[in-house]
Amino acid sequence: MKTHWMNIFIIVGLSAILNGCAGSVRYPTYYTLQIPPIVDPPQKAGGASVAIREFRSAPYLREGPIVYRSSPEQIGFYEYHRWAVDPREIVRNTIAERLRADRRFAEVKSYDGHSDSDYVLSGRLEKLEEVDYEKGVRVEVALSAQMIEVRTGKTIWVNFASDSGRVDQRTVPAVVAEMNHTMDRAIQKLLSSLSIPTAATAN
């Protein structure tokens, strides 16, 4: 009988410990960039086609955790606040949507390793981070891109764009919301100088 009660006490004790551990488990919160589409695009499409490569970036920008800087030299990561989708994918998809919407090209698609498009656009996500080492909190975004003409292999366009925005509330959701606005502005700046040579569109 003594052994029986001892076993009951052990089971109850283990259950209490396990329940306590389960109650303290913390799960990550996931975020994604939500960049608004262009409204009322032009009606006439260009005659050329473009394929967009996957954007490159430093490894720490694509590994999941949202990035912050507490000093120019120190990079930190939010352990429980992570990207649900690789930000590079959002950037590439948004640029493709913008180019389709403003109808600068007859066809816009993702690059699949084949060169059947007139142009190939490639780029890099240079920066996407919260900055805390100056007064207040702000967001910084930077992008670079270039486009080559497939037929000649010539680079016909190169651009770099950056933008920043202040964050009013010191919360990660507020930071991500400002990242949406800042990325939107940076993409607009990046694409603002993009034009297609007239000779190529006539071919």
N, C-alpha and C. Protein backbone atom coordinates (compact mmCIF):
# COMPACT_ATOMS: atom_id res chain seq x y z
N MET A 1 0.83 -1.21 0.00
CA MET A 1 0.00 0.00 0.00
C MET A 1 0.87 1.26 0.00
N LYS A 2 1.97 1.20 0.80
CA LYS A 2 2.87 2.35 0.85
C LYS A 2 3.46 2.64 -0.52
N THR A 3 3.83 1.57 -1.24
CA THR A 3 4.39 1.73 -2.59
C THR A 3 3.36 2.33 -3.53
N HIS A 4 2.11 1.90 -3.41
CA HIS A 4 1.03 2.41 -4.25
C HIS A 4 0.87 3.92 -4.08
N TRP A 5 0.82 4.39 -2.82
CA TRP A 5 0.66 5.83 -2.59
C TRP A 5 1.89 6.61 -3.05
N MET A 6 3.06 6.01 -2.88
CA MET A 6 4.27 6.67 -3.36
C MET A 6 4.23 6.87 -4.86
N ASN A 7 3.75 5.87 -5.58
CA ASN A 7 3.63 5.99 -7.04
C ASN A 7 2.65 7.09 -7.43
N ILE A 8 1.55 7.21 -6.71
CA ILE A 8 0.56 8.25 -6.98
C ILE A 8 1.18 9.63 -6.78
N PHE A 9 1.94 9.79 -5.67
CA PHE A 9 2.58 11.09 -5.41
C PHE A 9 3.57 11.44 -6.51
N ILE A 10 4.30 10.46 -6.99
CA ILE A 10 5.28 10.71 -8.06
C ILE A 10 4.57 11.14 -9.34
N ILE A 11 3.48 10.45 -9.69
CA ILE A 11 2.72 10.77 -10.91
C ILE A 11 2.14 12.18 -10.82
N VAL A 12 1.55 12.52 -9.68
CA VAL A 12 0.96 13.84 -9.49
C VAL A 12 2.04 14.92 -9.59
N GLY A 13 3.21 14.65 -8.97
CA GLY A 13 4.29 15.61 -9.01
C GLY A 13 4.81 15.85 -10.42
N LEU A 14 4.98 14.77 -11.17
CA LEU A 14 5.44 14.90 -12.55
C LEU A 14 4.42 15.65 -13.40
N SER A 15 3.14 15.38 -13.18
CA SER A 15 2.09 16.07 -13.93
C SER A 15 2.14 17.57 -13.67
N ALA A 16 2.34 17.94 -12.41
CA ALA A 16 2.40 19.36 -12.07
C ALA A 16 3.60 20.03 -12.74
N ILE A 17 4.73 19.32 -12.75
CA ILE A 17 5.93 19.89 -13.38
C ILE A 17 5.73 20.06 -14.87
N LEU A 18 5.18 19.02 -15.52
CA LEU A 18 4.95 19.08 -16.97
C LEU A 18 3.95 20.16 -17.33
N ASN A 19 2.88 20.30 -16.55
CA ASN A 19 1.89 21.35 -16.82
C ASN A 19 2.51 22.73 -16.66
N GLY A 20 3.36 22.87 -15.66
CA GLY A 20 4.02 24.15 -15.46
C GLY A 20 4.93 24.50 -16.62
N CYS A 21 5.66 23.51 -17.14
CA CYS A 21 6.53 23.75 -18.28
C CYS A 21 5.72 24.10 -19.52
N ALA A 22 4.63 23.39 -19.73
CA ALA A 22 3.80 23.65 -20.91
C ALA A 22 3.22 25.05 -20.87
N GLY A 23 2.89 25.52 -19.66
CA GLY A 23 2.31 26.85 -19.55
C GLY A 23 3.30 27.96 -19.84
N SER A 24 4.62 27.66 -19.75
CA SER A 24 5.62 28.69 -19.97
C SER A 24 6.19 28.68 -21.39
N VAL A 25 5.72 27.76 -22.22
CA VAL A 25 6.22 27.69 -23.60
C VAL A 25 5.79 28.94 -24.36
N ARG A 26 6.72 29.56 -25.07
CA ARG A 26 6.42 30.75 -25.86
C ARG A 26 6.60 30.43 -27.33
N TYR A 27 5.59 30.77 -28.11
CA TYR A 27 5.63 30.48 -29.53
C TYR A 27 5.92 31.75 -30.33
N PRO A 28 6.65 31.62 -31.44
CA PRO A 28 6.96 32.80 -32.25
C PRO A 28 5.72 33.44 -32.87
N THR A 29 5.80 34.73 -33.10
CA THR A 29 4.80 35.46 -33.86
C THR A 29 5.37 35.72 -35.25
N TYR A 30 4.56 35.47 -36.28
CA TYR A 30 5.04 35.58 -37.66
C TYR A 30 4.41 36.78 -38.34
N TYR A 31 5.20 37.44 -39.20
CA TYR A 31 4.78 38.64 -39.90
C TYR A 31 5.09 38.51 -41.39
N THR A 32 4.44 39.33 -42.19
CA THR A 32 4.77 39.42 -43.60
C THR A 32 4.61 40.86 -44.06
N LEU A 33 5.35 41.24 -45.09
CA LEU A 33 5.21 42.57 -45.67
C LEU A 33 3.93 42.62 -46.49
N GLN A 34 3.17 43.70 -46.37
CA GLN A 34 1.94 43.91 -47.12
C GLN A 34 2.07 45.24 -47.85
N ILE A 35 2.53 45.19 -49.10
CA ILE A 35 2.78 46.41 -49.86
C ILE A 35 1.62 46.64 -50.81
N PRO A 36 0.98 47.82 -50.80
CA PRO A 36 -0.23 48.04 -51.61
C PRO A 36 0.07 48.03 -53.10
N PRO A 37 -0.88 47.56 -53.92
CA PRO A 37 -0.70 47.56 -55.38
C PRO A 37 -0.91 48.94 -55.97
N ILE A 38 -0.49 49.11 -57.23
CA ILE A 38 -0.73 50.35 -57.95
C ILE A 38 -2.20 50.43 -58.34
N VAL A 39 -2.78 51.61 -58.23
CA VAL A 39 -4.18 51.82 -58.59
C VAL A 39 -4.25 52.53 -59.94
N ASP A 40 -5.23 52.15 -60.79
CA ASP A 40 -5.47 52.78 -62.09
C ASP A 40 -4.23 52.82 -62.98
N PRO A 41 -3.71 51.64 -63.39
CA PRO A 41 -2.53 51.62 -64.25
C PRO A 41 -2.86 52.08 -65.66
N PRO A 42 -1.83 52.47 -66.46
CA PRO A 42 -2.06 52.82 -67.86
C PRO A 42 -2.62 51.62 -68.63
N GLN A 43 -3.26 51.87 -69.74
CA GLN A 43 -3.93 50.80 -70.49
C GLN A 43 -3.04 50.16 -71.55
N LYS A 44 -2.06 50.89 -72.07
CA LYS A 44 -1.26 50.37 -73.16
C LYS A 44 -0.01 49.69 -72.63
N ALA A 45 0.22 48.43 -73.05
CA ALA A 45 1.38 47.69 -72.60
C ALA A 45 2.53 47.83 -73.58
N GLY A 46 3.76 47.71 -73.06
CA GLY A 46 4.93 47.73 -73.93
C GLY A 46 5.04 46.42 -74.70
N GLY A 47 5.99 46.36 -75.62
CA GLY A 47 6.12 45.16 -76.44
C GLY A 47 7.19 44.20 -75.99
N ALA A 48 7.98 44.56 -74.98
CA ALA A 48 9.09 43.72 -74.55
C ALA A 48 8.67 42.85 -73.36
N SER A 49 9.49 41.84 -73.07
CA SER A 49 9.23 40.95 -71.94
C SER A 49 10.42 40.99 -70.99
N VAL A 50 10.16 40.74 -69.71
CA VAL A 50 11.22 40.76 -68.71
C VAL A 50 11.01 39.60 -67.74
N ALA A 51 12.10 38.99 -67.35
CA ALA A 51 12.10 37.95 -66.31
C ALA A 51 12.86 38.48 -65.10
N ILE A 52 12.33 38.22 -63.91
CA ILE A 52 12.91 38.76 -62.69
C ILE A 52 13.53 37.63 -61.88
N ARG A 53 14.81 37.75 -61.61
CA ARG A 53 15.51 36.77 -60.79
C ARG A 53 15.13 36.91 -59.32
N GLU A 54 15.38 35.85 -58.56
CA GLU A 54 15.25 35.94 -57.11
C GLU A 54 16.25 36.97 -56.59
N PHE A 55 15.77 37.86 -55.73
CA PHE A 55 16.66 38.88 -55.18
C PHE A 55 17.66 38.25 -54.21
N ARG A 56 18.85 38.78 -54.19
CA ARG A 56 19.87 38.34 -53.25
C ARG A 56 19.82 39.19 -51.99
N SER A 57 20.52 38.76 -50.95
CA SER A 57 20.63 39.54 -49.72
C SER A 57 21.70 38.91 -48.85
N ALA A 58 22.09 39.62 -47.81
CA ALA A 58 22.94 39.02 -46.79
C ALA A 58 22.16 37.89 -46.12
N PRO A 59 22.84 36.80 -45.72
CA PRO A 59 22.12 35.66 -45.13
C PRO A 59 21.22 36.03 -43.95
N TYR A 60 21.64 36.97 -43.10
CA TYR A 60 20.86 37.26 -41.90
C TYR A 60 19.52 37.92 -42.22
N LEU A 61 19.36 38.47 -43.42
CA LEU A 61 18.08 39.09 -43.79
C LEU A 61 17.06 38.08 -44.30
N ARG A 62 17.49 36.87 -44.57
CA ARG A 62 16.56 35.88 -45.12
C ARG A 62 16.39 34.64 -44.24
N GLU A 63 16.94 34.67 -43.04
CA GLU A 63 16.90 33.49 -42.19
C GLU A 63 15.69 33.45 -41.26
N GLY A 64 14.84 34.46 -41.28
CA GLY A 64 13.59 34.40 -40.51
C GLY A 64 13.40 35.48 -39.48
N PRO A 65 14.29 35.61 -38.49
CA PRO A 65 14.07 36.61 -37.45
C PRO A 65 14.13 38.05 -37.98
N ILE A 66 13.28 38.92 -37.44
CA ILE A 66 13.32 40.33 -37.78
C ILE A 66 14.56 40.96 -37.16
N VAL A 67 15.21 41.82 -37.91
CA VAL A 67 16.53 42.34 -37.54
C VAL A 67 16.41 43.73 -36.91
N TYR A 68 17.23 43.97 -35.90
CA TYR A 68 17.35 45.33 -35.35
C TYR A 68 18.83 45.63 -35.09
N ARG A 69 19.15 46.91 -35.07
CA ARG A 69 20.51 47.36 -34.76
C ARG A 69 20.47 48.25 -33.52
N SER A 70 21.25 47.87 -32.53
CA SER A 70 21.37 48.70 -31.34
C SER A 70 22.58 49.64 -31.43
N SER A 71 23.42 49.44 -32.46
CA SER A 71 24.53 50.33 -32.76
C SER A 71 24.90 50.09 -34.22
N PRO A 72 25.69 50.97 -34.84
CA PRO A 72 26.06 50.74 -36.24
C PRO A 72 26.77 49.41 -36.47
N GLU A 73 27.47 48.92 -35.45
CA GLU A 73 28.25 47.69 -35.61
C GLU A 73 27.54 46.44 -35.11
N GLN A 74 26.46 46.58 -34.35
CA GLN A 74 25.84 45.43 -33.69
C GLN A 74 24.48 45.11 -34.28
N ILE A 75 24.33 43.86 -34.72
CA ILE A 75 23.07 43.38 -35.28
C ILE A 75 22.42 42.42 -34.29
N GLY A 76 21.12 42.64 -34.02
CA GLY A 76 20.37 41.76 -33.14
C GLY A 76 19.18 41.14 -33.87
N PHE A 77 18.61 40.09 -33.28
CA PHE A 77 17.50 39.37 -33.90
C PHE A 77 16.41 39.13 -32.87
N TYR A 78 15.16 39.38 -33.28
CA TYR A 78 14.02 39.06 -32.41
C TYR A 78 13.76 37.56 -32.47
N GLU A 79 14.01 36.88 -31.36
CA GLU A 79 13.87 35.42 -31.35
C GLU A 79 12.44 34.97 -31.60
N TYR A 80 11.46 35.73 -31.10
CA TYR A 80 10.06 35.32 -31.20
C TYR A 80 9.25 36.16 -32.18
N HIS A 81 9.91 36.94 -33.00
CA HIS A 81 9.23 37.72 -34.04
C HIS A 81 9.95 37.45 -35.35
N ARG A 82 9.27 36.75 -36.26
CA ARG A 82 9.93 36.22 -37.44
C ARG A 82 9.10 36.50 -38.70
N TRP A 83 9.78 36.47 -39.84
CA TRP A 83 9.09 36.60 -41.12
C TRP A 83 8.45 35.27 -41.50
N ALA A 84 7.18 35.32 -41.87
CA ALA A 84 6.48 34.11 -42.34
C ALA A 84 6.91 33.78 -43.76
N VAL A 85 7.29 34.80 -44.54
CA VAL A 85 7.73 34.64 -45.93
C VAL A 85 9.05 35.38 -46.09
N ASP A 86 9.96 34.78 -46.83
CA ASP A 86 11.24 35.43 -47.12
C ASP A 86 10.99 36.82 -47.71
N PRO A 87 11.50 37.89 -47.08
CA PRO A 87 11.26 39.24 -47.60
C PRO A 87 11.70 39.42 -49.04
N ARG A 88 12.71 38.70 -49.47
CA ARG A 88 13.17 38.80 -50.86
C ARG A 88 12.08 38.38 -51.84
N GLU A 89 11.31 37.38 -51.44
CA GLU A 89 10.21 36.93 -52.30
C GLU A 89 9.13 37.99 -52.40
N ILE A 90 8.83 38.66 -51.28
CA ILE A 90 7.85 39.74 -51.30
C ILE A 90 8.31 40.87 -52.21
N VAL A 91 9.61 41.23 -52.11
CA VAL A 91 10.16 42.30 -52.93
C VAL A 91 10.06 41.95 -54.41
N ARG A 92 10.48 40.74 -54.78
CA ARG A 92 10.42 40.36 -56.19
C ARG A 92 8.98 40.33 -56.70
N ASN A 93 8.07 39.76 -55.92
CA ASN A 93 6.67 39.68 -56.35
C ASN A 93 6.06 41.08 -56.48
N THR A 94 6.41 41.97 -55.56
CA THR A 94 5.87 43.33 -55.62
C THR A 94 6.39 44.06 -56.85
N ILE A 95 7.67 43.92 -57.14
CA ILE A 95 8.23 44.56 -58.33
C ILE A 95 7.57 44.00 -59.59
N ALA A 96 7.35 42.69 -59.63
CA ALA A 96 6.66 42.09 -60.78
C ALA A 96 5.25 42.65 -60.92
N GLU A 97 4.53 42.78 -59.80
CA GLU A 97 3.17 43.32 -59.84
C GLU A 97 3.17 44.77 -60.31
N ARG A 98 4.16 45.55 -59.86
CA ARG A 98 4.24 46.96 -60.27
C ARG A 98 4.51 47.07 -61.77
N LEU A 99 5.40 46.23 -62.27
CA LEU A 99 5.72 46.30 -63.70
C LEU A 99 4.54 45.82 -64.55
N ARG A 100 3.79 44.84 -64.04
CA ARG A 100 2.58 44.41 -64.78
C ARG A 100 1.53 45.51 -64.73
N ALA A 101 1.39 46.15 -63.58
CA ALA A 101 0.34 47.14 -63.39
C ALA A 101 0.57 48.38 -64.24
N ASP A 102 1.83 48.83 -64.33
CA ASP A 102 2.06 50.04 -65.13
C ASP A 102 2.26 49.72 -66.61
N ARG A 103 2.20 48.41 -66.94
CA ARG A 103 2.18 47.93 -68.33
C ARG A 103 3.37 48.45 -69.13
N ARG A 104 4.52 48.50 -68.46
CA ARG A 104 5.74 48.87 -69.14
C ARG A 104 6.24 47.73 -70.04
N PHE A 105 5.85 46.51 -69.69
CA PHE A 105 6.25 45.32 -70.44
C PHE A 105 5.02 44.52 -70.86
N ALA A 106 5.15 43.82 -71.98
CA ALA A 106 4.07 42.96 -72.44
C ALA A 106 3.96 41.71 -71.57
N GLU A 107 5.10 41.25 -71.02
CA GLU A 107 5.10 40.06 -70.17
C GLU A 107 6.12 40.25 -69.06
N VAL A 108 5.70 39.90 -67.84
CA VAL A 108 6.58 39.94 -66.68
C VAL A 108 6.46 38.59 -65.98
N LYS A 109 7.59 37.93 -65.77
CA LYS A 109 7.55 36.62 -65.13
C LYS A 109 8.79 36.41 -64.27
N SER A 110 8.77 35.34 -63.47
CA SER A 110 9.94 34.99 -62.68
C SER A 110 10.96 34.27 -63.55
N TYR A 111 12.22 34.55 -63.32
CA TYR A 111 13.29 33.94 -64.10
C TYR A 111 13.43 32.47 -63.70
N ASP A 112 13.41 31.58 -64.70
CA ASP A 112 13.50 30.14 -64.43
C ASP A 112 14.77 29.51 -64.99
N GLY A 113 15.75 30.33 -65.31
CA GLY A 113 17.00 29.81 -65.85
C GLY A 113 17.09 29.85 -67.35
N HIS A 114 15.97 30.14 -68.02
CA HIS A 114 15.96 30.23 -69.48
C HIS A 114 15.96 31.71 -69.89
N SER A 115 16.48 31.98 -71.07
CA SER A 115 16.63 33.36 -71.52
C SER A 115 15.70 33.67 -72.69
N ASP A 116 14.43 33.30 -72.57
CA ASP A 116 13.49 33.55 -73.66
C ASP A 116 12.81 34.92 -73.52
N SER A 117 13.18 35.69 -72.50
CA SER A 117 12.65 37.05 -72.35
C SER A 117 13.63 38.05 -72.99
N ASP A 118 13.13 39.23 -73.29
CA ASP A 118 13.99 40.27 -73.85
C ASP A 118 14.99 40.80 -72.82
N TYR A 119 14.54 40.84 -71.55
CA TYR A 119 15.37 41.40 -70.49
C TYR A 119 15.33 40.49 -69.27
N VAL A 120 16.38 40.59 -68.46
CA VAL A 120 16.42 39.92 -67.16
C VAL A 120 16.76 40.97 -66.10
N LEU A 121 15.92 41.06 -65.09
CA LEU A 121 16.11 42.01 -64.00
C LEU A 121 16.58 41.24 -62.76
N SER A 122 17.65 41.70 -62.16
CA SER A 122 18.14 41.08 -60.93
C SER A 122 18.35 42.17 -59.89
N GLY A 123 18.35 41.79 -58.63
CA GLY A 123 18.47 42.81 -57.60
C GLY A 123 18.94 42.24 -56.28
N ARG A 124 19.04 43.13 -55.32
CA ARG A 124 19.53 42.76 -53.99
C ARG A 124 18.78 43.55 -52.92
N LEU A 125 18.31 42.86 -51.91
CA LEU A 125 17.76 43.51 -50.72
C LEU A 125 18.95 43.87 -49.83
N GLU A 126 19.30 45.14 -49.82
CA GLU A 126 20.50 45.58 -49.11
C GLU A 126 20.26 45.77 -47.62
N LYS A 127 19.04 46.20 -47.28
CA LYS A 127 18.78 46.53 -45.88
C LYS A 127 17.29 46.43 -45.60
N LEU A 128 16.94 45.85 -44.46
CA LEU A 128 15.55 45.79 -43.97
C LEU A 128 15.64 45.58 -42.47
N GLU A 129 15.65 46.68 -41.72
CA GLU A 129 15.94 46.54 -40.30
C GLU A 129 15.39 47.69 -39.47
N GLU A 130 15.20 47.39 -38.21
CA GLU A 130 14.87 48.39 -37.21
C GLU A 130 16.16 48.99 -36.69
N VAL A 131 16.18 50.30 -36.48
CA VAL A 131 17.38 50.99 -35.99
C VAL A 131 17.05 51.67 -34.67
N ASP A 132 17.81 51.34 -33.63
CA ASP A 132 17.51 51.82 -32.28
C ASP A 132 18.60 52.69 -31.68
N TYR A 133 19.71 52.89 -32.36
CA TYR A 133 20.85 53.53 -31.71
C TYR A 133 20.85 55.05 -31.79
N GLU A 134 19.86 55.64 -32.44
CA GLU A 134 19.71 57.09 -32.41
C GLU A 134 18.42 57.42 -31.68
N LYS A 135 18.07 58.68 -31.59
CA LYS A 135 16.87 59.06 -30.86
C LYS A 135 15.64 58.41 -31.48
N GLY A 136 14.85 57.76 -30.65
CA GLY A 136 13.65 57.09 -31.13
C GLY A 136 13.97 55.80 -31.86
N VAL A 137 12.98 55.28 -32.55
CA VAL A 137 13.11 54.05 -33.33
C VAL A 137 12.74 54.35 -34.77
N ARG A 138 13.51 53.83 -35.70
CA ARG A 138 13.18 54.03 -37.10
C ARG A 138 13.42 52.75 -37.88
N VAL A 139 12.95 52.74 -39.11
CA VAL A 139 13.13 51.60 -40.03
C VAL A 139 13.96 52.08 -41.20
N GLU A 140 14.86 51.22 -41.66
CA GLU A 140 15.66 51.53 -42.84
C GLU A 140 15.54 50.41 -43.86
N VAL A 141 15.33 50.79 -45.12
CA VAL A 141 15.20 49.85 -46.23
C VAL A 141 16.10 50.32 -47.36
N ALA A 142 16.79 49.40 -48.02
CA ALA A 142 17.61 49.74 -49.18
C ALA A 142 17.55 48.60 -50.19
N LEU A 143 17.47 48.97 -51.47
CA LEU A 143 17.38 48.01 -52.57
C LEU A 143 18.31 48.45 -53.70
N SER A 144 18.83 47.48 -54.42
CA SER A 144 19.56 47.78 -55.65
C SER A 144 19.10 46.81 -56.72
N ALA A 145 19.19 47.22 -57.99
CA ALA A 145 18.74 46.37 -59.08
C ALA A 145 19.43 46.76 -60.38
N GLN A 146 19.43 45.84 -61.32
CA GLN A 146 19.95 46.12 -62.65
C GLN A 146 19.18 45.27 -63.66
N MET A 147 19.19 45.70 -64.91
CA MET A 147 18.52 44.95 -65.96
C MET A 147 19.47 44.81 -67.16
N ILE A 148 19.53 43.60 -67.69
CA ILE A 148 20.36 43.35 -68.88
C ILE A 148 19.46 43.02 -70.07
N GLU A 149 19.94 43.36 -71.25
CA GLU A 149 19.28 42.94 -72.48
C GLU A 149 19.85 41.57 -72.84
N VAL A 150 19.00 40.57 -72.94
CA VAL A 150 19.45 39.20 -73.15
C VAL A 150 20.18 39.05 -74.49
N ARG A 151 19.68 39.67 -75.51
CA ARG A 151 20.25 39.52 -76.85
C ARG A 151 21.71 39.97 -76.91
N THR A 152 22.03 41.05 -76.24
CA THR A 152 23.38 41.60 -76.30
C THR A 152 24.20 41.37 -75.03
N GLY A 153 23.52 41.02 -73.93
CA GLY A 153 24.22 40.87 -72.66
C GLY A 153 24.60 42.19 -72.03
N LYS A 154 24.10 43.27 -72.58
CA LYS A 154 24.45 44.62 -72.12
C LYS A 154 23.56 45.05 -70.96
N THR A 155 24.18 45.64 -69.94
CA THR A 155 23.42 46.21 -68.82
C THR A 155 22.84 47.55 -69.27
N ILE A 156 21.52 47.65 -69.26
CA ILE A 156 20.88 48.87 -69.76
C ILE A 156 20.30 49.74 -68.64
N TRP A 157 20.30 49.21 -67.41
CA TRP A 157 19.72 49.99 -66.30
C TRP A 157 20.30 49.51 -64.99
N VAL A 158 20.68 50.42 -64.14
CA VAL A 158 21.16 50.13 -62.79
C VAL A 158 20.60 51.22 -61.87
N ASN A 159 20.16 50.81 -60.68
CA ASN A 159 19.66 51.82 -59.75
C ASN A 159 19.79 51.32 -58.32
N PHE A 160 19.85 52.27 -57.40
CA PHE A 160 19.87 52.00 -55.96
C PHE A 160 18.87 52.93 -55.31
N ALA A 161 18.11 52.41 -54.35
CA ALA A 161 17.12 53.25 -53.67
C ALA A 161 17.07 52.88 -52.20
N SER A 162 16.86 53.88 -51.37
CA SER A 162 16.73 53.64 -49.93
C SER A 162 15.68 54.59 -49.36
N ASP A 163 15.17 54.22 -48.22
CA ASP A 163 14.19 55.06 -47.54
C ASP A 163 14.20 54.70 -46.06
N SER A 164 13.69 55.60 -45.24
CA SER A 164 13.61 55.35 -43.81
C SER A 164 12.33 55.96 -43.27
N GLY A 165 11.90 55.47 -42.13
CA GLY A 165 10.68 55.98 -41.52
C GLY A 165 10.72 55.85 -40.01
N ARG A 166 10.13 56.80 -39.33
CA ARG A 166 10.08 56.79 -37.87
C ARG A 166 8.96 55.88 -37.38
N VAL A 167 9.20 55.25 -36.24
CA VAL A 167 8.21 54.37 -35.62
C VAL A 167 7.73 55.04 -34.34
N ASP A 168 6.42 55.29 -34.25
CA ASP A 168 5.88 56.00 -33.10
C ASP A 168 5.78 55.12 -31.85
N GLN A 169 5.46 53.84 -32.04
CA GLN A 169 5.29 52.93 -30.92
C GLN A 169 6.44 51.92 -30.89
N ARG A 170 6.97 51.66 -29.71
CA ARG A 170 8.08 50.71 -29.59
C ARG A 170 7.56 49.28 -29.49
N THR A 171 6.91 48.84 -30.56
CA THR A 171 6.41 47.46 -30.64
C THR A 171 6.81 46.88 -31.99
N VAL A 172 6.95 45.56 -32.04
CA VAL A 172 7.33 44.92 -33.30
C VAL A 172 6.23 45.09 -34.36
N PRO A 173 4.94 44.93 -34.04
CA PRO A 173 3.93 45.18 -35.07
C PRO A 173 4.02 46.59 -35.66
N ALA A 174 4.32 47.59 -34.83
CA ALA A 174 4.47 48.96 -35.34
C ALA A 174 5.69 49.06 -36.25
N VAL A 175 6.76 48.36 -35.90
CA VAL A 175 7.96 48.34 -36.74
C VAL A 175 7.65 47.72 -38.09
N VAL A 176 6.95 46.59 -38.10
CA VAL A 176 6.62 45.91 -39.35
C VAL A 176 5.69 46.77 -40.20
N ALA A 177 4.74 47.44 -39.58
CA ALA A 177 3.84 48.33 -40.32
C ALA A 177 4.63 49.43 -41.01
N GLU A 178 5.62 49.99 -40.32
CA GLU A 178 6.44 51.03 -40.94
C GLU A 178 7.35 50.45 -42.02
N MET A 179 7.77 49.21 -41.84
CA MET A 179 8.56 48.55 -42.90
C MET A 179 7.75 48.43 -44.18
N ASN A 180 6.45 48.17 -44.06
CA ASN A 180 5.58 48.13 -45.24
C ASN A 180 5.60 49.46 -45.99
N HIS A 181 5.40 50.56 -45.26
CA HIS A 181 5.37 51.88 -45.89
C HIS A 181 6.73 52.24 -46.49
N THR A 182 7.79 51.95 -45.74
CA THR A 182 9.13 52.30 -46.19
C THR A 182 9.54 51.50 -47.41
N MET A 183 9.22 50.20 -47.41
CA MET A 183 9.53 49.36 -48.57
C MET A 183 8.75 49.82 -49.80
N ASP A 184 7.51 50.22 -49.62
CA ASP A 184 6.69 50.73 -50.71
C ASP A 184 7.38 51.93 -51.36
N ARG A 185 7.83 52.87 -50.54
CA ARG A 185 8.50 54.06 -51.07
C ARG A 185 9.82 53.71 -51.75
N ALA A 186 10.56 52.78 -51.16
CA ALA A 186 11.85 52.39 -51.74
C ALA A 186 11.67 51.74 -53.10
N ILE A 187 10.66 50.89 -53.25
CA ILE A 187 10.40 50.24 -54.54
C ILE A 187 9.99 51.27 -55.58
N GLN A 188 9.15 52.23 -55.18
CA GLN A 188 8.77 53.30 -56.11
C GLN A 188 10.00 54.06 -56.60
N LYS A 189 10.90 54.40 -55.69
CA LYS A 189 12.13 55.09 -56.07
C LYS A 189 12.98 54.23 -56.99
N LEU A 190 13.09 52.95 -56.67
CA LEU A 190 13.93 52.05 -57.46
C LEU A 190 13.46 51.98 -58.90
N LEU A 191 12.14 51.85 -59.11
CA LEU A 191 11.60 51.66 -60.45
C LEU A 191 11.36 52.96 -61.20
N SER A 192 11.49 54.09 -60.53
CA SER A 192 11.13 55.37 -61.16
C SER A 192 11.99 55.68 -62.38
N SER A 193 13.23 55.20 -62.41
CA SER A 193 14.13 55.51 -63.53
C SER A 193 14.17 54.41 -64.59
N LEU A 194 13.41 53.35 -64.39
CA LEU A 194 13.46 52.22 -65.32
C LEU A 194 12.74 52.57 -66.63
N SER A 195 13.44 52.44 -67.73
CA SER A 195 12.84 52.67 -69.05
C SER A 195 13.35 51.62 -70.02
N ILE A 196 12.61 51.40 -71.10
CA ILE A 196 12.96 50.39 -72.08
C ILE A 196 13.47 51.09 -73.34
N PRO A 197 14.63 50.71 -73.85
CA PRO A 197 15.11 51.32 -75.10
C PRO A 197 14.10 51.14 -76.23
N THR A 198 13.85 52.21 -76.97
CA THR A 198 12.86 52.18 -78.05
C THR A 198 13.18 51.15 -79.12
N ALA A 199 14.45 51.01 -79.44
CA ALA A 199 14.84 50.05 -80.48
C ALA A 199 14.49 48.64 -80.08
N ALA A 200 14.63 48.30 -78.80
CA ALA A 200 14.34 46.94 -78.37
C ALA A 200 12.86 46.66 -78.39
N THR A 201 12.02 47.64 -78.03
CA THR A 201 10.58 47.40 -77.99
C THR A 201 10.02 47.25 -79.40
N ALA A 202 10.73 47.75 -80.39
CA ALA A 202 10.23 47.64 -81.75
C ALA A 202 10.53 46.30 -82.38
N ASN A 203 11.49 45.52 -81.76
CA ASN A 203 11.85 44.22 -82.34
C ASN A 203 10.76 43.20 -82.07
